[in-house]
Amino acid sequence: MLDLDVTAFGGGTCVVSSAMMSELGITAAELDSAVRRNISDCDFKLQKPKPKTIQQNPILANSYIVSCEKHRNAVLLFPEYFQKLANYLQDDLYVLQLSIYHVLVVPAATFTACSVDEIAPILYSALRKFAPKATVLGTSIYKFDRTEGNFSTIIK
């Protein structure tokens, strides 16, 4: 079993080649599992947007901001959290990355009368309000399918 040091705080990237994994006798799945075990206490936070933001964009009244700053984890790496949230809301979810640690989540039912082309400007407007330009990672919009338990990209 591979364990990472959970007493240290901070961020970093570890690059492990296939040759190194072979030499250590571990697989990519085992390495991934070790990382996920060590950050599994991510302590997700779920909050509603500020009233002023909702007032400026009423469709966001049903939206949530999901964050995971405790260990500085990328929220989208945890589809099991989105599965729990989708089950709780009893709906599929549209997800827009606000920063590496924050995503905007909107239940799909919010947009039942909208096409994908109509959804994008609404979510991009929210992106400009929630995230300073320097932290925006991209403009992809994802959909989490509650039944399938996975993400798909609906707009790249």
Foldseek 3Di string as FASTA:
>chain_A
DDADDLVDADDDDDDADPVNCVVVVHDPVVVVVRVCVSCVPQPKDKAQDDPVLCVVQVLSRQKIKIFRPPRLAQVVVCLVVVLVVCVVVVAKWKWWDLARGIIMIHGCVSQPVHDPVVVQVSVVVVSVVPHDPVRHPDRWIWIQDNVVSDIDTPGD
